Amino acid sequence: MNELKATLRDLEQRYLLFKQQQFTFVAALDHTRENAHDKTKPVSTLSQVQNYLDHYCNNSTDKRILIMFLDLCKDLSDFCSQLEDINPKACSPDDRLEKCKLLLSCNNDMSHIRAKYPHDEVNHLSCDESKHHYGAVISILPVALDLLREGIGVIESAQYEAARNNRYAQCNKKEEPPEKRCSSVQTVPIQRDDCENKYMQWKASNKLKSKPLKSKCPWVPPGKTNGL
């Protein structure tokens, strides 16, 4: 998980560098759209930007910034797939990673996407640009990064919960009763005659104890026999 967080931080730093050149990016789109005679259509897909780069880009500055944008989109998509491999059960239509992967697909219509507060990318555009032409393409990177952060948070929380439940189960696991150990002392069989002899001795001893004691005559001093 630490490596994934480090990769995300690297992507965020690359985006901050791109964000500082937002006006250069918008100017490049203006130039290429004009060359393509496509000024009336908004930029709504990544494949549209790729087409401008491949066929209508005439200077190195425009080419550099368009490549920077498309490479960052591709790396974000690859990182999203990496997270899905770690947590495949999280993939569902409503999942953050699934939304991010769909957002960064080449032919996805992103014209309805707008980055909201605390993001200020759209605010730096003119009213016409933000509403019709570049609001979506400017918003796609910050929105994708937000989804990736949330996805990592969900995965990390799920892993922590699983580890805690595992520790709880181990602490409450009952110990199995120890196996009965076989005694190494072998009992010697008692002979029948020995039992009978001991029984007879015990019976004779009890018989002697149960005999009544003979009463003795009272003691009389010598010489006095009168009255006896």
C-alpha atoms as a PDB file:
ATOM      1  CA  MET A   1       0.000   0.000   0.000  1.00  0.00           C
ATOM      2  CA  ASN A   2       2.892   2.391   0.696  1.00  0.00           C
ATOM      3  CA  GLU A   3       4.173   1.917  -2.873  1.00  0.00           C
ATOM      4  CA  LEU A   4       0.722   2.715  -4.259  1.00  0.00           C
ATOM      5  CA  LYS A   5       0.537   5.889  -2.212  1.00  0.00           C
ATOM      6  CA  ALA A   6       3.993   6.896  -3.447  1.00  0.00           C
ATOM      7  CA  THR A   7       2.879   6.346  -7.052  1.00  0.00           C
ATOM      8  CA  LEU A   8      -0.224   8.461  -6.457  1.00  0.00           C
ATOM      9  CA  ARG A   9       1.891  11.274  -4.993  1.00  0.00           C
ATOM     10  CA  ASP A  10       4.097  11.185  -8.088  1.00  0.00           C
ATOM     11  CA  LEU A  11       1.030  11.460 -10.330  1.00  0.00           C
ATOM     12  CA  GLU A  12      -0.251  14.354  -8.252  1.00  0.00           C
ATOM     13  CA  GLN A  13       3.066  16.189  -8.608  1.00  0.00           C
ATOM     14  CA  ARG A  14       2.976  15.702 -12.362  1.00  0.00           C
ATOM     15  CA  TYR A  15      -0.552  17.080 -12.455  1.00  0.00           C
ATOM     16  CA  LEU A  16       0.451  20.159 -10.446  1.00  0.00           C
ATOM     17  CA  LEU A  17       3.180  20.805 -13.008  1.00  0.00           C
ATOM     18  CA  PHE A  18       0.626  20.468 -15.799  1.00  0.00           C
ATOM     19  CA  LYS A  19      -1.842  22.715 -13.974  1.00  0.00           C
ATOM     20  CA  GLN A  20       0.712  25.524 -13.956  1.00  0.00           C
ATOM     21  CA  GLN A  21       0.651  25.347 -17.763  1.00  0.00           C
ATOM     22  CA  GLN A  22      -3.118  25.315 -18.189  1.00  0.00           C
ATOM     23  CA  PHE A  23      -3.150  28.422 -20.395  1.00  0.00           C
ATOM     24  CA  THR A  24      -0.519  26.831 -22.650  1.00  0.00           C
ATOM     25  CA  PHE A  25      -2.714  23.723 -22.919  1.00  0.00           C
ATOM     26  CA  VAL A  26      -5.823  25.751 -23.797  1.00  0.00           C
ATOM     27  CA  ALA A  27      -3.825  27.715 -26.398  1.00  0.00           C
ATOM     28  CA  ALA A  28      -2.607  24.456 -27.955  1.00  0.00           C
ATOM     29  CA  LEU A  29      -6.203  23.215 -28.197  1.00  0.00           C
ATOM     30  CA  ASP A  30      -7.192  26.501 -29.797  1.00  0.00           C
ATOM     31  CA  HIS A  31      -4.467  26.227 -32.423  1.00  0.00           C
ATOM     32  CA  THR A  32      -5.128  22.595 -33.304  1.00  0.00           C
ATOM     33  CA  ARG A  33      -8.914  23.021 -33.394  1.00  0.00           C
ATOM     34  CA  GLU A  34      -8.503  25.959 -35.718  1.00  0.00           C
ATOM     35  CA  ASN A  35      -6.258  23.919 -38.008  1.00  0.00           C
ATOM     36  CA  ALA A  36      -8.837  21.134 -37.949  1.00  0.00           C
ATOM     37  CA  HIS A  37     -11.670  23.599 -38.707  1.00  0.00           C
ATOM     38  CA  ASP A  38     -13.340  22.249 -35.595  1.00  0.00           C
ATOM     39  CA  LYS A  39     -13.915  25.422 -33.598  1.00  0.00           C
ATOM     40  CA  THR A  40     -17.633  24.865 -33.071  1.00  0.00           C
ATOM     41  CA  LYS A  41     -17.389  21.495 -31.320  1.00  0.00           C
ATOM     42  CA  PRO A  42     -16.404  21.180 -27.647  1.00  0.00           C
ATOM     43  CA  VAL A  43     -13.504  18.935 -26.692  1.00  0.00           C
ATOM     44  CA  SER A  44     -15.431  15.966 -25.296  1.00  0.00           C
ATOM     45  CA  THR A  45     -13.185  12.879 -25.675  1.00  0.00           C
ATOM     46  CA  LEU A  46      -9.519  11.991 -25.233  1.00  0.00           C
ATOM     47  CA  SER A  47      -9.433  10.501 -28.722  1.00  0.00           C
ATOM     48  CA  GLN A  48     -10.351  13.951 -30.034  1.00  0.00           C
ATOM     49  CA  VAL A  49      -7.271  15.429 -28.319  1.00  0.00           C
ATOM     50  CA  GLN A  50      -5.153  12.585 -29.715  1.00  0.00           C
ATOM     51  CA  ASN A  51      -6.466  13.350 -33.191  1.00  0.00           C
ATOM     52  CA  TYR A  52      -5.497  17.027 -32.830  1.00  0.00           C
ATOM     53  CA  LEU A  53      -1.991  15.982 -31.767  1.00  0.00           C
ATOM     54  CA  ASP A  54      -1.505  13.481 -34.586  1.00  0.00           C
ATOM     55  CA  HIS A  55      -2.852  15.518 -37.482  1.00  0.00           C
ATOM     56  CA  TYR A  56      -3.170  19.210 -36.644  1.00  0.00           C
ATOM     57  CA  CYS A  57      -0.304  20.126 -34.334  1.00  0.00           C
ATOM     58  CA  ASN A  58       2.259  22.399 -36.061  1.00  0.00           C
ATOM     59  CA  ASN A  59       4.643  23.577 -33.340  1.00  0.00           C
ATOM     60  CA  SER A  60       6.753  21.948 -30.642  1.00  0.00           C
ATOM     61  CA  THR A  61       5.182  23.852 -27.714  1.00  0.00           C
ATOM     62  CA  ASP A  62       1.679  22.680 -28.577  1.00  0.00           C
ATOM     63  CA  LYS A  63       2.922  19.151 -29.167  1.00  0.00           C
ATOM     64  CA  ARG A  64       4.763  19.039 -25.845  1.00  0.00           C
ATOM     65  CA  ILE A  65       1.796  20.112 -23.740  1.00  0.00           C
ATOM     66  CA  LEU A  66      -0.668  17.836 -25.539  1.00  0.00           C
ATOM     67  CA  ILE A  67       1.680  14.864 -25.071  1.00  0.00           C
ATOM     68  CA  MET A  68       2.069  15.776 -21.410  1.00  0.00           C
ATOM     69  CA  PHE A  69      -1.719  15.763 -20.978  1.00  0.00           C
ATOM     70  CA  LEU A  70      -2.329  12.483 -22.809  1.00  0.00           C
ATOM     71  CA  ASP A  71       0.561  10.689 -21.043  1.00  0.00           C
ATOM     72  CA  LEU A  72      -0.796  11.734 -17.674  1.00  0.00           C
ATOM     73  CA  CYS A  73      -4.258  10.456 -18.597  1.00  0.00           C
ATOM     74  CA  LYS A  74      -2.776   7.126 -19.701  1.00  0.00           C
ATOM     75  CA  ASP A  75      -0.714   6.720 -16.528  1.00  0.00           C
ATOM     76  CA  LEU A  76      -3.746   7.493 -14.375  1.00  0.00           C
ATOM     77  CA  SER A  77      -5.731   4.846 -16.250  1.00  0.00           C
ATOM     78  CA  ASP A  78      -2.927   2.281 -15.793  1.00  0.00           C
ATOM     79  CA  PHE A  79      -2.753   3.082 -12.085  1.00  0.00           C
ATOM     80  CA  CYS A  80      -6.502   2.609 -11.832  1.00  0.00           C
ATOM     81  CA  SER A  81      -6.163  -0.852 -13.419  1.00  0.00           C
ATOM     82  CA  GLN A  82      -3.402  -1.667 -10.934  1.00  0.00           C
ATOM     83  CA  LEU A  83      -5.701  -0.828  -8.043  1.00  0.00           C
ATOM     84  CA  GLU A  84      -8.458  -2.969  -9.554  1.00  0.00           C
ATOM     85  CA  ASP A  85      -6.089  -5.945  -9.662  1.00  0.00           C
ATOM     86  CA  ILE A  86      -5.372  -5.512  -5.953  1.00  0.00           C
ATOM     87  CA  ASN A  87      -9.035  -5.258  -5.026  1.00  0.00           C
ATOM     88  CA  PRO A  88     -11.031  -6.960  -7.849  1.00  0.00           C
ATOM     89  CA  LYS A  89     -14.181  -7.338  -5.700  1.00  0.00           C
ATOM     90  CA  ALA A  90     -14.490  -3.557  -5.524  1.00  0.00           C
ATOM     91  CA  CYS A  91     -15.211  -3.297  -9.258  1.00  0.00           C
ATOM     92  CA  SER A  92     -18.855  -2.435  -9.782  1.00  0.00           C
ATOM     93  CA  PRO A  93     -20.754   0.204 -11.802  1.00  0.00           C
ATOM     94  CA  ASP A  94     -20.918   2.459  -8.731  1.00  0.00           C
ATOM     95  CA  ASP A  95     -17.347   1.903  -7.642  1.00  0.00           C
ATOM     96  CA  ARG A  96     -14.871   4.771  -7.670  1.00  0.00           C
ATOM     97  CA  LEU A  97     -12.233   2.843  -9.594  1.00  0.00           C
ATOM     98  CA  GLU A  98     -14.749   1.791 -12.225  1.00  0.00           C
ATOM     99  CA  LYS A  99     -15.873   5.406 -12.640  1.00  0.00           C
ATOM    100  CA  CYS A 100     -12.278   6.569 -12.972  1.00  0.00           C
ATOM    101  CA  LYS A 101     -11.465   3.894 -15.546  1.00  0.00           C
ATOM    102  CA  LEU A 102     -14.527   4.831 -17.587  1.00  0.00           C
ATOM    103  CA  LEU A 103     -13.727   8.534 -17.335  1.00  0.00           C
ATOM    104  CA  LEU A 104     -10.214   7.997 -18.723  1.00  0.00           C
ATOM    105  CA  SER A 105     -11.253   5.761 -21.616  1.00  0.00           C
ATOM    106  CA  CYS A 106     -10.487   7.158 -25.070  1.00  0.00           C
ATOM    107  CA  ASN A 107     -14.011   7.462 -26.448  1.00  0.00           C
ATOM    108  CA  ASN A 108     -15.883   8.343 -23.274  1.00  0.00           C
ATOM    109  CA  ASP A 109     -18.016  11.480 -23.615  1.00  0.00           C
ATOM    110  CA  MET A 110     -16.784  13.730 -20.804  1.00  0.00           C
ATOM    111  CA  SER A 111     -18.644  16.859 -21.896  1.00  0.00           C
ATOM    112  CA  HIS A 112     -20.767  16.847 -18.708  1.00  0.00           C
ATOM    113  CA  ILE A 113     -17.759  16.646 -16.334  1.00  0.00           C
ATOM    114  CA  ARG A 114     -16.902  19.772 -14.352  1.00  0.00           C
ATOM    115  CA  ALA A 115     -14.374  19.959 -11.520  1.00  0.00           C
ATOM    116  CA  LYS A 116     -15.983  21.609  -8.497  1.00  0.00           C
ATOM    117  CA  TYR A 117     -14.702  23.195  -5.303  1.00  0.00           C
ATOM    118  CA  PRO A 118     -12.001  23.038  -4.021  1.00  0.00           C
ATOM    119  CA  HIS A 119     -10.718  22.766  -7.612  1.00  0.00           C
ATOM    120  CA  ASP A 120     -10.383  26.078  -9.438  1.00  0.00           C
ATOM    121  CA  GLU A 121      -9.311  24.953 -12.922  1.00  0.00           C
ATOM    122  CA  VAL A 122     -12.650  25.818 -14.529  1.00  0.00           C
ATOM    123  CA  ASN A 123     -12.689  29.233 -12.839  1.00  0.00           C
ATOM    124  CA  HIS A 124      -9.556  30.205 -14.749  1.00  0.00           C
ATOM    125  CA  LEU A 125     -11.377  29.819 -18.059  1.00  0.00           C
ATOM    126  CA  SER A 126     -13.569  32.407 -19.643  1.00  0.00           C
ATOM    127  CA  CYS A 127     -17.323  31.919 -19.390  1.00  0.00           C
ATOM    128  CA  ASP A 128     -17.669  30.736 -22.992  1.00  0.00           C
ATOM    129  CA  GLU A 129     -14.712  28.372 -22.737  1.00  0.00           C
ATOM    130  CA  SER A 130     -15.883  26.783 -19.482  1.00  0.00           C
ATOM    131  CA  LYS A 131     -19.440  26.258 -20.712  1.00  0.00           C
ATOM    132  CA  HIS A 132     -18.854  25.041 -24.237  1.00  0.00           C
ATOM    133  CA  HIS A 133     -15.305  24.131 -25.167  1.00  0.00           C
ATOM    134  CA  TYR A 134     -12.710  23.266 -22.503  1.00  0.00           C
ATOM    135  CA  GLY A 135     -14.546  22.861 -19.189  1.00  0.00           C
ATOM    136  CA  ALA A 136     -14.638  19.068 -19.518  1.00  0.00           C
ATOM    137  CA  VAL A 137     -11.110  18.449 -20.763  1.00  0.00           C
ATOM    138  CA  ILE A 138      -9.712  20.714 -18.038  1.00  0.00           C
ATOM    139  CA  SER A 139     -11.768  18.912 -15.369  1.00  0.00           C
ATOM    140  CA  ILE A 140     -10.931  15.322 -16.229  1.00  0.00           C
ATOM    141  CA  LEU A 141      -7.561  15.146 -14.441  1.00  0.00           C
ATOM    142  CA  PRO A 142      -8.584  16.599 -11.040  1.00  0.00           C
ATOM    143  CA  VAL A 143     -11.782  14.517 -11.015  1.00  0.00           C
ATOM    144  CA  ALA A 144      -9.837  11.340 -11.857  1.00  0.00           C
ATOM    145  CA  LEU A 145      -7.303  12.031  -9.096  1.00  0.00           C
ATOM    146  CA  ASP A 146     -10.125  12.516  -6.585  1.00  0.00           C
ATOM    147  CA  LEU A 147     -11.621   9.152  -7.555  1.00  0.00           C
ATOM    148  CA  LEU A 148      -8.236   7.441  -7.214  1.00  0.00           C
ATOM    149  CA  ARG A 149      -7.682   8.920  -3.752  1.00  0.00           C
ATOM    150  CA  GLU A 150     -11.093   7.720  -2.648  1.00  0.00           C
ATOM    151  CA  GLY A 151     -10.455   4.289  -4.174  1.00  0.00           C
ATOM    152  CA  ILE A 152      -7.177   3.893  -2.281  1.00  0.00           C
ATOM    153  CA  GLY A 153      -8.937   4.990   0.909  1.00  0.00           C
ATOM    154  CA  VAL A 154     -11.647   2.349   0.446  1.00  0.00           C
ATOM    155  CA  ILE A 155      -9.092  -0.409  -0.249  1.00  0.00           C
ATOM    156  CA  GLU A 156      -6.961   0.597   2.738  1.00  0.00           C
ATOM    157  CA  SER A 157      -9.997   0.670   5.018  1.00  0.00           C
ATOM    158  CA  ALA A 158     -11.125  -2.771   3.785  1.00  0.00           C
ATOM    159  CA  GLN A 159      -7.659  -4.249   4.339  1.00  0.00           C
ATOM    160  CA  TYR A 160      -7.479  -2.777   7.849  1.00  0.00           C
ATOM    161  CA  GLU A 161     -10.934  -4.148   8.704  1.00  0.00           C
ATOM    162  CA  ALA A 162     -10.010  -7.603   7.394  1.00  0.00           C
ATOM    163  CA  ALA A 163      -6.790  -7.625   9.421  1.00  0.00           C
ATOM    164  CA  ARG A 164      -8.633  -6.511  12.570  1.00  0.00           C
ATOM    165  CA  ASN A 165     -11.289  -9.200  12.153  1.00  0.00           C
ATOM    166  CA  ASN A 166      -8.576 -11.804  11.630  1.00  0.00           C
ATOM    167  CA  ARG A 167      -6.799 -10.760  14.831  1.00  0.00           C
ATOM    168  CA  TYR A 168     -10.103 -10.789  16.716  1.00  0.00           C
ATOM    169  CA  ALA A 169     -10.894 -14.292  15.465  1.00  0.00           C
ATOM    170  CA  GLN A 170      -7.489 -15.570  16.507  1.00  0.00           C
ATOM    171  CA  CYS A 171      -7.823 -14.091  20.002  1.00  0.00           C
ATOM    172  CA  ASN A 172     -11.240 -15.684  20.514  1.00  0.00           C
ATOM    173  CA  LYS A 173     -10.443 -19.023  19.002  1.00  0.00           C
ATOM    174  CA  LYS A 174     -11.013 -21.774  21.526  1.00  0.00           C
ATOM    175  CA  GLU A 175      -8.146 -24.095  22.209  1.00  0.00           C
ATOM    176  CA  GLU A 176      -8.792 -27.680  21.285  1.00  0.00           C
ATOM    177  CA  PRO A 177      -8.807 -30.114  24.228  1.00  0.00           C
ATOM    178  CA  PRO A 178      -5.485 -31.888  24.587  1.00  0.00           C
ATOM    179  CA  GLU A 179      -5.326 -35.419  23.378  1.00  0.00           C
ATOM    180  CA  LYS A 180      -5.441 -38.093  25.969  1.00  0.00           C
ATOM    181  CA  ARG A 181      -2.032 -39.401  26.637  1.00  0.00           C
ATOM    182  CA  CYS A 182      -1.573 -43.129  26.967  1.00  0.00           C
ATOM    183  CA  SER A 183      -0.088 -44.121  30.259  1.00  0.00           C
ATOM    184  CA  SER A 184       3.279 -45.796  29.945  1.00  0.00           C
ATOM    185  CA  VAL A 185       2.702 -47.822  33.124  1.00  0.00           C
ATOM    186  CA  GLN A 186       1.264 -51.224  32.353  1.00  0.00           C
ATOM    187  CA  THR A 187      -1.098 -52.618  34.947  1.00  0.00           C
ATOM    188  CA  VAL A 188      -0.259 -56.123  36.130  1.00  0.00           C
ATOM    189  CA  PRO A 189      -3.301 -58.373  36.207  1.00  0.00           C
ATOM    190  CA  ILE A 190      -4.254 -59.446  39.729  1.00  0.00           C
ATOM    191  CA  GLN A 191      -4.432 -63.210  40.220  1.00  0.00           C
ATOM    192  CA  ARG A 192      -7.706 -64.674  41.448  1.00  0.00           C
ATOM    193  CA  ASP A 193      -6.027 -66.569  44.311  1.00  0.00           C
ATOM    194  CA  ASP A 194      -4.398 -63.406  45.617  1.00  0.00           C
ATOM    195  CA  CYS A 195      -7.745 -61.673  45.676  1.00  0.00           C
ATOM    196  CA  GLU A 196      -9.378 -64.522  47.598  1.00  0.00           C
ATOM    197  CA  ASN A 197      -6.525 -64.704  50.135  1.00  0.00           C
ATOM    198  CA  LYS A 198      -6.658 -60.984  50.787  1.00  0.00           C
ATOM    199  CA  TYR A 199     -10.435 -61.143  51.140  1.00  0.00           C
ATOM    200  CA  MET A 200     -10.218 -63.947  53.713  1.00  0.00           C
ATOM    201  CA  GLN A 201      -7.584 -62.078  55.716  1.00  0.00           C
ATOM    202  CA  TRP A 202      -9.732 -58.928  55.687  1.00  0.00           C
ATOM    203  CA  LYS A 203     -12.802 -60.955  56.824  1.00  0.00           C
ATOM    204  CA  ALA A 204     -10.932 -62.657  59.678  1.00  0.00           C
ATOM    205  CA  SER A 205      -9.569 -59.331  60.866  1.00  0.00           C
ATOM    206  CA  ASN A 206     -13.033 -57.785  60.965  1.00  0.00           C
ATOM    207  CA  LYS A 207     -14.372 -60.844  62.803  1.00  0.00           C
ATOM    208  CA  LEU A 208     -11.823 -60.451  65.570  1.00  0.00           C
ATOM    209  CA  LYS A 209     -12.645 -56.809  65.925  1.00  0.00           C
ATOM    210  CA  SER A 210     -16.354 -57.565  66.186  1.00  0.00           C
ATOM    211  CA  LYS A 211     -16.063 -60.141  69.059  1.00  0.00           C
ATOM    212  CA  PRO A 212     -17.613 -58.817  72.329  1.00  0.00           C
ATOM    213  CA  LEU A 213     -15.169 -58.273  75.156  1.00  0.00           C
ATOM    214  CA  LYS A 214     -15.696 -60.524  78.261  1.00  0.00           C
ATOM    215  CA  SER A 215     -16.661 -58.524  81.350  1.00  0.00           C
ATOM    216  CA  LYS A 216     -14.224 -58.877  84.264  1.00  0.00           C
ATOM    217  CA  CYS A 217     -15.314 -59.292  87.941  1.00  0.00           C
ATOM    218  CA  PRO A 218     -14.907 -56.233  90.034  1.00  0.00           C
ATOM    219  CA  TRP A 219     -11.719 -56.069  92.082  1.00  0.00           C
ATOM    220  CA  VAL A 220     -12.026 -57.158  95.806  1.00  0.00           C
ATOM    221  CA  PRO A 221      -9.413 -56.405  98.411  1.00  0.00           C
ATOM    222  CA  PRO A 222      -7.727 -59.540  99.804  1.00  0.00           C
ATOM    223  CA  GLY A 223      -8.980 -61.022 103.081  1.00  0.00           C
ATOM    224  CA  LYS A 224     -12.469 -59.613 102.807  1.00  0.00           C
ATOM    225  CA  THR A 225     -14.746 -62.244 101.466  1.00  0.00           C
ATOM    226  CA  ASN A 226     -17.841 -61.520 103.498  1.00  0.00           C
ATOM    227  CA  GLY A 227     -20.843 -60.729 101.588  1.00  0.00           C
ATOM    228  CA  LEU A 228     -19.627 -62.511  98.500  1.00  0.00           C
END
